[in-house]
Amino acid sequence: MKLLRKRGAGPAPCSSSAFRPLATIFLFIITSVLHSPVYAQLLMQPNISVAQARQIIDTIIAECSRPGELVTVTIAVVDRAGQPVMQVRGDTASPHNWELAYRKAYTARTFRRTSLDWRDRTAGASNLAGQRALSHVVPLGGGAPIMMGDQPLGGVGVSGAQGGQPADSACAETGIAAIANDLE
């Protein structure tokens, strides 16, 4: 005996429209579970502060600028993302010093090593030479990473110190030493 269904009596038990309400409920449950706090945790990462950047810059100006009233070095401090926190152009700076200071700081932060060390590691036929094609990096001395243990907090770049790239590098390290207690 065959059972007949009345018209308008609702969907047949095996039709796709019978599963739509169940699929909607199932989808709601899944998306609610996937968006729970277990899957959406905040990242808490240390970073360089404006006060620390200022302390670095003030130290470099005091220690590395030639005697006199004019500031003779250009300094950039970048954060853990390579973004500028603070930058100062020397009174006697050449037009290129601003960009070089930033790029040295960015290079040091990106590769977690001094820009001088990175320059040497990527020279000539090194298998790392292709890194030199990245934006904002520069194979020159004068950049130093700001590290807290093995975590990068930022970078410092100096351009225009008397004595060239070795002096720029020493000045960047001098600036970081000013906040050494904060990095322990």
N, C-alpha and C. Protein backbone atom coordinates (compact mmCIF):
# COMPACT_ATOMS: atom_id res chain seq x y z
N MET A 1 0.84 -1.17 0.00
CA MET A 1 0.00 0.00 0.00
C MET A 1 0.89 1.24 0.00
N LYS A 2 0.58 2.15 -0.81
CA LYS A 2 1.37 3.36 -0.98
C LYS A 2 0.72 4.49 -0.22
N LEU A 3 1.60 5.21 0.57
CA LEU A 3 1.07 6.35 1.33
C LEU A 3 1.19 7.59 0.48
N LEU A 4 0.16 8.35 0.46
CA LEU A 4 0.17 9.59 -0.30
C LEU A 4 0.24 10.77 0.65
N ARG A 5 0.97 11.74 0.23
CA ARG A 5 1.14 12.92 1.04
C ARG A 5 0.19 13.98 0.53
N LYS A 6 -0.41 14.71 1.44
CA LYS A 6 -1.29 15.79 1.05
C LYS A 6 -0.46 16.98 0.60
N ARG A 7 -1.01 17.70 -0.34
CA ARG A 7 -0.35 18.93 -0.77
C ARG A 7 -0.37 19.95 0.35
N GLY A 8 0.85 20.64 0.49
CA GLY A 8 0.93 21.69 1.50
C GLY A 8 1.13 21.13 2.89
N ALA A 9 1.40 19.85 3.03
CA ALA A 9 1.56 19.25 4.35
C ALA A 9 3.00 19.35 4.84
N GLY A 10 3.84 20.14 4.18
CA GLY A 10 5.24 20.29 4.61
C GLY A 10 6.15 19.49 3.71
N PRO A 11 7.41 19.62 3.92
CA PRO A 11 8.37 18.94 3.05
C PRO A 11 8.38 17.44 3.30
N ALA A 12 8.73 16.74 2.26
CA ALA A 12 8.84 15.29 2.39
C ALA A 12 9.99 14.99 3.33
N PRO A 13 9.95 13.91 4.08
CA PRO A 13 10.96 13.62 5.08
C PRO A 13 12.38 13.55 4.51
N CYS A 14 12.57 13.24 3.28
CA CYS A 14 13.92 13.09 2.72
C CYS A 14 14.29 14.22 1.77
N SER A 15 13.53 15.27 1.70
CA SER A 15 13.84 16.33 0.75
C SER A 15 14.91 17.26 1.32
N SER A 16 15.59 18.00 0.43
CA SER A 16 16.66 18.90 0.87
C SER A 16 16.11 20.05 1.71
N SER A 17 14.89 20.45 1.47
CA SER A 17 14.33 21.55 2.25
C SER A 17 14.06 21.13 3.69
N ALA A 18 13.98 19.86 3.96
CA ALA A 18 13.78 19.40 5.33
C ALA A 18 15.06 19.58 6.15
N PHE A 19 16.21 19.62 5.48
CA PHE A 19 17.49 19.73 6.19
C PHE A 19 17.94 21.18 6.37
N ARG A 20 17.33 22.12 5.73
CA ARG A 20 17.76 23.51 5.82
C ARG A 20 17.73 24.04 7.26
N PRO A 21 16.65 23.84 8.00
CA PRO A 21 16.68 24.35 9.39
C PRO A 21 17.79 23.67 10.22
N LEU A 22 18.00 22.38 10.00
CA LEU A 22 19.05 21.68 10.75
C LEU A 22 20.43 22.19 10.34
N ALA A 23 20.63 22.44 9.05
CA ALA A 23 21.92 22.94 8.57
C ALA A 23 22.19 24.33 9.13
N THR A 24 21.17 25.15 9.21
CA THR A 24 21.33 26.50 9.76
C THR A 24 21.73 26.43 11.23
N ILE A 25 21.09 25.58 11.99
CA ILE A 25 21.42 25.42 13.41
C ILE A 25 22.84 24.89 13.56
N PHE A 26 23.19 23.90 12.76
CA PHE A 26 24.53 23.32 12.82
C PHE A 26 25.59 24.37 12.49
N LEU A 27 25.36 25.17 11.46
CA LEU A 27 26.29 26.22 11.05
C LEU A 27 26.44 27.26 12.17
N PHE A 28 25.35 27.62 12.81
CA PHE A 28 25.39 28.56 13.92
C PHE A 28 26.24 28.02 15.07
N ILE A 29 26.07 26.77 15.40
CA ILE A 29 26.83 26.15 16.49
C ILE A 29 28.32 26.12 16.16
N ILE A 30 28.66 25.71 14.96
CA ILE A 30 30.07 25.63 14.55
C ILE A 30 30.73 27.00 14.58
N THR A 31 30.08 28.01 14.00
CA THR A 31 30.69 29.34 13.98
C THR A 31 30.78 29.93 15.38
N SER A 32 29.86 29.61 16.25
CA SER A 32 29.93 30.08 17.64
C SER A 32 31.12 29.46 18.35
N VAL A 33 31.37 28.20 18.12
CA VAL A 33 32.49 27.51 18.76
C VAL A 33 33.81 28.05 18.22
N LEU A 34 33.91 28.24 16.90
CA LEU A 34 35.16 28.70 16.30
C LEU A 34 35.49 30.14 16.68
N HIS A 35 34.51 30.92 17.05
CA HIS A 35 34.76 32.31 17.44
C HIS A 35 34.84 32.47 18.95
N SER A 36 34.99 31.40 19.66
CA SER A 36 35.10 31.49 21.11
C SER A 36 36.46 32.07 21.49
N PRO A 37 36.61 32.58 22.70
CA PRO A 37 37.87 33.19 23.13
C PRO A 37 39.08 32.25 23.05
N VAL A 38 38.86 30.97 23.06
CA VAL A 38 39.97 30.03 22.96
C VAL A 38 40.73 30.24 21.66
N TYR A 39 40.03 30.60 20.60
CA TYR A 39 40.65 30.77 19.28
C TYR A 39 41.00 32.22 18.97
N ALA A 40 40.62 33.15 19.83
CA ALA A 40 40.84 34.57 19.54
C ALA A 40 41.62 35.23 20.67
N GLN A 41 42.80 34.74 20.93
CA GLN A 41 43.62 35.30 21.99
C GLN A 41 44.43 36.49 21.47
N LEU A 42 44.60 37.48 22.32
CA LEU A 42 45.42 38.64 21.98
C LEU A 42 46.89 38.27 22.07
N LEU A 43 47.68 38.87 21.20
CA LEU A 43 49.13 38.72 21.29
C LEU A 43 49.66 39.84 22.15
N MET A 44 50.46 39.50 23.11
CA MET A 44 51.07 40.49 23.99
C MET A 44 52.57 40.43 23.72
N GLN A 45 53.10 41.46 23.04
CA GLN A 45 54.50 41.48 22.67
C GLN A 45 55.14 42.78 23.12
N PRO A 46 56.35 42.69 23.68
CA PRO A 46 57.03 43.93 24.07
C PRO A 46 57.43 44.74 22.85
N ASN A 47 57.52 46.04 23.05
CA ASN A 47 57.86 46.94 21.95
C ASN A 47 58.67 48.10 22.52
N ILE A 48 59.34 48.82 21.68
CA ILE A 48 60.10 50.00 22.10
C ILE A 48 59.11 51.14 22.32
N SER A 49 59.32 51.91 23.37
CA SER A 49 58.41 53.02 23.66
C SER A 49 59.00 54.33 23.13
N VAL A 50 58.17 55.35 23.08
CA VAL A 50 58.61 56.67 22.67
C VAL A 50 59.64 57.21 23.67
N ALA A 51 59.40 56.98 24.96
CA ALA A 51 60.35 57.44 25.99
C ALA A 51 61.71 56.77 25.80
N GLN A 52 61.72 55.48 25.49
CA GLN A 52 62.99 54.79 25.25
C GLN A 52 63.66 55.30 23.98
N ALA A 53 62.88 55.53 22.94
CA ALA A 53 63.43 56.07 21.69
C ALA A 53 64.07 57.44 21.94
N ARG A 54 63.40 58.23 22.73
CA ARG A 54 63.94 59.56 23.04
C ARG A 54 65.23 59.45 23.84
N GLN A 55 65.29 58.52 24.77
CA GLN A 55 66.50 58.33 25.57
C GLN A 55 67.66 57.88 24.67
N ILE A 56 67.37 56.99 23.74
CA ILE A 56 68.39 56.54 22.78
C ILE A 56 68.90 57.73 21.96
N ILE A 57 67.99 58.51 21.43
CA ILE A 57 68.36 59.65 20.59
C ILE A 57 69.14 60.69 21.38
N ASP A 58 68.68 61.01 22.57
CA ASP A 58 69.39 62.00 23.39
C ASP A 58 70.81 61.54 23.71
N THR A 59 70.97 60.24 23.99
CA THR A 59 72.30 59.70 24.29
C THR A 59 73.21 59.79 23.07
N ILE A 60 72.69 59.42 21.91
CA ILE A 60 73.49 59.47 20.69
C ILE A 60 73.90 60.91 20.36
N ILE A 61 72.99 61.85 20.52
CA ILE A 61 73.33 63.25 20.26
C ILE A 61 74.42 63.71 21.23
N ALA A 62 74.27 63.36 22.50
CA ALA A 62 75.26 63.79 23.50
C ALA A 62 76.63 63.16 23.27
N GLU A 63 76.66 61.91 22.85
CA GLU A 63 77.92 61.17 22.73
C GLU A 63 78.55 61.24 21.34
N CYS A 64 77.74 61.41 20.30
CA CYS A 64 78.25 61.25 18.94
C CYS A 64 78.21 62.49 18.07
N SER A 65 77.54 63.53 18.50
CA SER A 65 77.50 64.74 17.71
C SER A 65 78.78 65.52 17.97
N ARG A 66 79.33 66.13 16.93
CA ARG A 66 80.55 66.93 17.11
C ARG A 66 80.27 68.07 18.08
N PRO A 67 81.28 68.47 18.81
CA PRO A 67 81.09 69.57 19.78
C PRO A 67 80.53 70.82 19.12
N GLY A 68 79.71 71.50 19.85
CA GLY A 68 79.11 72.73 19.34
C GLY A 68 77.61 72.70 19.54
N GLU A 69 76.99 73.72 19.04
CA GLU A 69 75.55 73.88 19.22
C GLU A 69 74.72 73.05 18.24
N LEU A 70 75.31 72.66 17.12
CA LEU A 70 74.56 71.97 16.08
C LEU A 70 74.60 70.45 16.27
N VAL A 71 73.49 69.80 15.99
CA VAL A 71 73.42 68.33 15.98
C VAL A 71 73.97 67.88 14.64
N THR A 72 74.93 66.96 14.67
CA THR A 72 75.61 66.57 13.43
C THR A 72 75.32 65.14 13.00
N VAL A 73 74.43 64.45 13.72
CA VAL A 73 74.06 63.08 13.34
C VAL A 73 72.55 63.01 13.10
N THR A 74 72.17 62.10 12.22
CA THR A 74 70.76 61.82 11.98
C THR A 74 70.48 60.44 12.55
N ILE A 75 69.38 60.31 13.29
CA ILE A 75 69.09 59.08 14.04
C ILE A 75 67.65 58.66 13.79
N ALA A 76 67.46 57.36 13.61
CA ALA A 76 66.11 56.79 13.48
C ALA A 76 65.98 55.64 14.46
N VAL A 77 64.81 55.56 15.09
CA VAL A 77 64.47 54.43 15.95
C VAL A 77 63.17 53.84 15.41
N VAL A 78 63.18 52.53 15.13
CA VAL A 78 61.99 51.84 14.64
C VAL A 78 61.52 50.84 15.69
N ASP A 79 60.24 50.49 15.62
CA ASP A 79 59.67 49.53 16.58
C ASP A 79 59.80 48.10 16.06
N ARG A 80 59.16 47.18 16.75
CA ARG A 80 59.27 45.76 16.41
C ARG A 80 58.72 45.45 15.02
N ALA A 81 57.84 46.30 14.49
CA ALA A 81 57.28 46.10 13.15
C ALA A 81 58.08 46.86 12.09
N GLY A 82 59.17 47.51 12.49
CA GLY A 82 59.99 48.27 11.54
C GLY A 82 59.42 49.64 11.22
N GLN A 83 58.42 50.07 11.98
CA GLN A 83 57.82 51.38 11.76
C GLN A 83 58.54 52.44 12.59
N PRO A 84 58.69 53.64 12.07
CA PRO A 84 59.40 54.69 12.82
C PRO A 84 58.69 55.04 14.12
N VAL A 85 59.47 55.12 15.19
CA VAL A 85 58.96 55.59 16.48
C VAL A 85 59.37 57.05 16.63
N MET A 86 60.63 57.32 16.30
CA MET A 86 61.15 58.68 16.38
C MET A 86 62.35 58.80 15.45
N GLN A 87 62.48 59.97 14.83
CA GLN A 87 63.62 60.21 13.95
C GLN A 87 64.01 61.68 14.06
N VAL A 88 65.32 61.90 14.11
CA VAL A 88 65.84 63.26 14.23
C VAL A 88 66.85 63.48 13.12
N ARG A 89 66.69 64.58 12.41
CA ARG A 89 67.63 64.94 11.35
C ARG A 89 68.65 65.90 11.93
N GLY A 90 69.90 65.60 11.70
CA GLY A 90 70.96 66.48 12.16
C GLY A 90 70.88 67.83 11.48
N ASP A 91 71.31 68.87 12.23
CA ASP A 91 71.31 70.22 11.68
C ASP A 91 72.21 70.33 10.46
N THR A 92 73.26 69.53 10.42
CA THR A 92 74.23 69.59 9.32
C THR A 92 74.06 68.43 8.34
N ALA A 93 72.91 67.76 8.40
CA ALA A 93 72.70 66.55 7.60
C ALA A 93 72.63 66.83 6.11
N SER A 94 73.13 65.87 5.35
CA SER A 94 72.95 65.88 3.91
C SER A 94 71.55 65.31 3.63
N PRO A 95 71.00 65.57 2.45
CA PRO A 95 69.64 65.10 2.17
C PRO A 95 69.45 63.58 2.33
N HIS A 96 70.48 62.79 2.04
CA HIS A 96 70.34 61.33 2.09
C HIS A 96 70.40 60.75 3.51
N ASN A 97 70.88 61.53 4.49
CA ASN A 97 71.05 60.99 5.84
C ASN A 97 69.75 60.52 6.48
N TRP A 98 68.66 61.22 6.22
CA TRP A 98 67.36 60.87 6.79
C TRP A 98 66.96 59.46 6.36
N GLU A 99 67.03 59.21 5.06
CA GLU A 99 66.65 57.90 4.54
C GLU A 99 67.63 56.82 5.01
N LEU A 100 68.91 57.12 5.00
CA LEU A 100 69.90 56.12 5.42
C LEU A 100 69.71 55.71 6.87
N ALA A 101 69.46 56.67 7.75
CA ALA A 101 69.27 56.34 9.17
C ALA A 101 68.08 55.39 9.33
N TYR A 102 66.98 55.72 8.66
CA TYR A 102 65.79 54.84 8.74
C TYR A 102 66.10 53.44 8.19
N ARG A 103 66.73 53.38 7.03
CA ARG A 103 66.99 52.08 6.40
C ARG A 103 67.97 51.24 7.21
N LYS A 104 68.94 51.87 7.85
CA LYS A 104 69.86 51.14 8.71
C LYS A 104 69.12 50.55 9.91
N ALA A 105 68.24 51.34 10.52
CA ALA A 105 67.45 50.85 11.66
C ALA A 105 66.54 49.71 11.21
N TYR A 106 65.89 49.87 10.08
CA TYR A 106 64.98 48.85 9.54
C TYR A 106 65.74 47.56 9.25
N THR A 107 66.91 47.68 8.65
CA THR A 107 67.72 46.51 8.32
C THR A 107 68.10 45.75 9.59
N ALA A 108 68.55 46.48 10.60
CA ALA A 108 68.95 45.85 11.86
C ALA A 108 67.77 45.15 12.52
N ARG A 109 66.61 45.79 12.52
CA ARG A 109 65.42 45.17 13.12
C ARG A 109 64.99 43.95 12.33
N THR A 110 64.94 44.06 11.03
CA THR A 110 64.46 42.97 10.18
C THR A 110 65.29 41.71 10.33
N PHE A 111 66.61 41.86 10.37
CA PHE A 111 67.48 40.70 10.39
C PHE A 111 68.06 40.38 11.77
N ARG A 112 67.65 41.15 12.78
CA ARG A 112 68.06 40.89 14.17
C ARG A 112 69.58 40.87 14.33
N ARG A 113 70.26 41.71 13.61
CA ARG A 113 71.72 41.81 13.67
C ARG A 113 72.11 43.20 13.21
N THR A 114 73.34 43.57 13.47
CA THR A 114 73.76 44.90 13.02
C THR A 114 73.70 44.95 11.49
N SER A 115 73.49 46.14 10.98
CA SER A 115 73.45 46.28 9.52
C SER A 115 74.83 46.01 8.91
N LEU A 116 75.89 46.24 9.68
CA LEU A 116 77.24 45.94 9.23
C LEU A 116 77.45 44.42 9.09
N ASP A 117 76.98 43.67 10.08
CA ASP A 117 77.06 42.21 10.02
C ASP A 117 76.21 41.68 8.86
N TRP A 118 75.00 42.24 8.69
CA TRP A 118 74.13 41.80 7.60
C TRP A 118 74.78 42.11 6.25
N ARG A 119 75.41 43.29 6.15
CA ARG A 119 76.11 43.65 4.91
C ARG A 119 77.14 42.58 4.55
N ASP A 120 77.94 42.18 5.54
CA ASP A 120 79.00 41.20 5.28
C ASP A 120 78.44 39.82 4.95
N ARG A 121 77.33 39.43 5.58
CA ARG A 121 76.72 38.11 5.34
C ARG A 121 76.06 38.00 3.97
N THR A 122 75.67 39.13 3.41
CA THR A 122 74.95 39.11 2.12
C THR A 122 75.82 39.56 0.95
N ALA A 123 77.10 39.73 1.19
CA ALA A 123 78.01 40.25 0.15
C ALA A 123 78.33 39.20 -0.91
N GLY A 124 78.66 39.69 -2.09
CA GLY A 124 79.16 38.85 -3.18
C GLY A 124 78.20 37.75 -3.60
N ALA A 125 78.73 36.52 -3.67
CA ALA A 125 77.95 35.38 -4.15
C ALA A 125 77.27 34.62 -3.01
N SER A 126 77.11 35.25 -1.88
CA SER A 126 76.44 34.61 -0.74
C SER A 126 75.05 34.13 -1.14
N ASN A 127 74.63 33.01 -0.56
CA ASN A 127 73.28 32.53 -0.85
C ASN A 127 72.22 33.46 -0.23
N LEU A 128 72.64 34.44 0.57
CA LEU A 128 71.73 35.42 1.16
C LEU A 128 71.71 36.73 0.37
N ALA A 129 72.47 36.82 -0.69
CA ALA A 129 72.61 38.07 -1.45
C ALA A 129 71.27 38.59 -1.97
N GLY A 130 70.33 37.71 -2.22
CA GLY A 130 69.01 38.13 -2.71
C GLY A 130 68.26 39.00 -1.72
N GLN A 131 68.60 38.91 -0.42
CA GLN A 131 67.94 39.75 0.58
C GLN A 131 68.18 41.23 0.33
N ARG A 132 69.23 41.55 -0.36
CA ARG A 132 69.54 42.95 -0.64
C ARG A 132 68.50 43.60 -1.55
N ALA A 133 67.69 42.80 -2.22
CA ALA A 133 66.66 43.33 -3.11
C ALA A 133 65.38 43.72 -2.36
N LEU A 134 65.30 43.43 -1.08
CA LEU A 134 64.12 43.79 -0.30
C LEU A 134 64.02 45.31 -0.15
N SER A 135 62.80 45.80 -0.01
CA SER A 135 62.60 47.24 0.21
C SER A 135 63.12 47.65 1.58
N HIS A 136 63.62 48.84 1.67
CA HIS A 136 64.03 49.51 2.91
C HIS A 136 65.29 48.99 3.56
N VAL A 137 65.94 47.97 3.03
CA VAL A 137 67.18 47.50 3.62
C VAL A 137 68.36 48.18 2.92
N VAL A 138 69.47 48.28 3.65
CA VAL A 138 70.66 48.91 3.07
C VAL A 138 71.90 48.21 3.63
N PRO A 139 72.83 47.82 2.76
CA PRO A 139 74.03 47.13 3.21
C PRO A 139 75.13 48.09 3.65
N LEU A 140 74.85 48.84 4.71
CA LEU A 140 75.80 49.82 5.25
C LEU A 140 75.83 49.69 6.77
N GLY A 141 76.95 50.00 7.36
CA GLY A 141 77.05 50.01 8.81
C GLY A 141 76.33 51.20 9.40
N GLY A 142 75.89 51.06 10.65
CA GLY A 142 75.22 52.16 11.35
C GLY A 142 73.90 51.76 11.95
N GLY A 143 73.45 50.52 11.74
CA GLY A 143 72.19 50.04 12.31
C GLY A 143 72.45 48.96 13.34
N ALA A 144 71.67 48.98 14.43
CA ALA A 144 71.79 47.96 15.47
C ALA A 144 70.39 47.57 15.94
N PRO A 145 70.16 46.27 16.17
CA PRO A 145 68.86 45.84 16.65
C PRO A 145 68.71 46.11 18.15
N ILE A 146 67.49 46.40 18.56
CA ILE A 146 67.17 46.53 19.98
C ILE A 146 66.54 45.21 20.37
N MET A 147 67.24 44.44 21.21
CA MET A 147 66.81 43.08 21.56
C MET A 147 66.56 42.96 23.06
N MET A 148 65.53 42.20 23.41
CA MET A 148 65.29 41.80 24.79
C MET A 148 65.44 40.28 24.78
N GLY A 149 66.61 39.81 25.15
CA GLY A 149 66.91 38.40 25.00
C GLY A 149 66.95 38.08 23.52
N ASP A 150 66.08 37.13 23.11
CA ASP A 150 66.04 36.80 21.68
C ASP A 150 64.85 37.45 20.97
N GLN A 151 64.14 38.36 21.65
CA GLN A 151 63.00 39.04 21.05
C GLN A 151 63.40 40.42 20.54
N PRO A 152 63.12 40.71 19.27
CA PRO A 152 63.43 42.04 18.75
C PRO A 152 62.37 43.06 19.18
N LEU A 153 62.83 44.20 19.67
CA LEU A 153 61.92 45.28 20.06
C LEU A 153 61.96 46.43 19.07
N GLY A 154 63.01 46.48 18.26
CA GLY A 154 63.15 47.57 17.31
C GLY A 154 64.56 47.64 16.77
N GLY A 155 64.91 48.80 16.25
CA GLY A 155 66.24 49.02 15.71
C GLY A 155 66.61 50.48 15.76
N VAL A 156 67.91 50.75 15.75
CA VAL A 156 68.43 52.11 15.74
C VAL A 156 69.33 52.26 14.53
N GLY A 157 69.20 53.38 13.83
CA GLY A 157 70.08 53.68 12.70
C GLY A 157 70.67 55.06 12.87
N VAL A 158 71.95 55.17 12.57
CA VAL A 158 72.66 56.46 12.67
C VAL A 158 73.35 56.73 11.35
N SER A 159 73.30 57.98 10.93
CA SER A 159 73.98 58.39 9.71
C SER A 159 74.61 59.76 9.95
N GLY A 160 75.86 59.91 9.52
CA GLY A 160 76.51 61.20 9.60
C GLY A 160 77.49 61.37 10.74
N ALA A 161 77.79 60.31 11.48
CA ALA A 161 78.78 60.44 12.56
C ALA A 161 80.17 60.63 11.95
N GLN A 162 80.99 61.40 12.63
CA GLN A 162 82.35 61.64 12.14
C GLN A 162 83.14 60.34 12.28
N GLY A 163 83.58 59.80 11.15
CA GLY A 163 84.30 58.53 11.15
C GLY A 163 83.59 57.49 10.30
N GLY A 164 82.51 57.88 9.63
CA GLY A 164 81.83 56.99 8.70
C GLY A 164 81.04 55.86 9.35
N GLN A 165 80.88 54.77 8.59
CA GLN A 165 80.03 53.66 9.03
C GLN A 165 80.47 53.03 10.35
N PRO A 166 81.76 52.84 10.60
CA PRO A 166 82.15 52.29 11.91
C PRO A 166 81.69 53.20 13.06
N ALA A 167 81.81 54.50 12.87
CA ALA A 167 81.36 55.45 13.90
C ALA A 167 79.84 55.43 14.02
N ASP A 168 79.13 55.35 12.90
CA ASP A 168 77.66 55.25 12.94
C ASP A 168 77.25 54.02 13.75
N SER A 169 77.94 52.90 13.51
CA SER A 169 77.62 51.65 14.23
C SER A 169 77.86 51.79 15.72
N ALA A 170 79.00 52.38 16.08
CA ALA A 170 79.32 52.56 17.50
C ALA A 170 78.30 53.48 18.17
N CYS A 171 77.85 54.50 17.46
CA CYS A 171 76.85 55.42 18.01
C CYS A 171 75.51 54.71 18.25
N ALA A 172 75.10 53.86 17.31
CA ALA A 172 73.85 53.11 17.48
C ALA A 172 73.93 52.22 18.72
N GLU A 173 75.05 51.55 18.90
CA GLU A 173 75.24 50.68 20.08
C GLU A 173 75.25 51.51 21.37
N THR A 174 75.86 52.69 21.32
CA THR A 174 75.88 53.59 22.49
C THR A 174 74.44 53.98 22.89
N GLY A 175 73.61 54.26 21.91
CA GLY A 175 72.22 54.62 22.19
C GLY A 175 71.46 53.48 22.84
N ILE A 176 71.66 52.27 22.35
CA ILE A 176 70.96 51.10 22.92
C ILE A 176 71.44 50.84 24.34
N ALA A 177 72.75 51.06 24.59
CA ALA A 177 73.30 50.85 25.93
C ALA A 177 72.60 51.76 26.96
N ALA A 178 72.08 52.89 26.51
CA ALA A 178 71.40 53.82 27.43
C ALA A 178 70.12 53.23 28.02
N ILE A 179 69.55 52.25 27.33
CA ILE A 179 68.31 51.64 27.86
C ILE A 179 68.54 50.17 28.23
N ALA A 180 69.78 49.79 28.44
CA ALA A 180 70.14 48.39 28.71
C ALA A 180 69.36 47.82 29.91
N ASN A 181 69.14 48.61 30.93
CA ASN A 181 68.41 48.11 32.11
C ASN A 181 66.97 47.73 31.76
N ASP A 182 66.38 48.43 30.78
CA ASP A 182 65.01 48.13 30.36
C ASP A 182 64.93 46.82 29.57
N LEU A 183 66.06 46.37 29.05
CA LEU A 183 66.07 45.22 28.15
C LEU A 183 66.39 43.92 28.88
N GLU A 184 66.54 43.95 30.17
CA GLU A 184 66.87 42.72 30.94
C GLU A 184 65.61 42.00 31.36
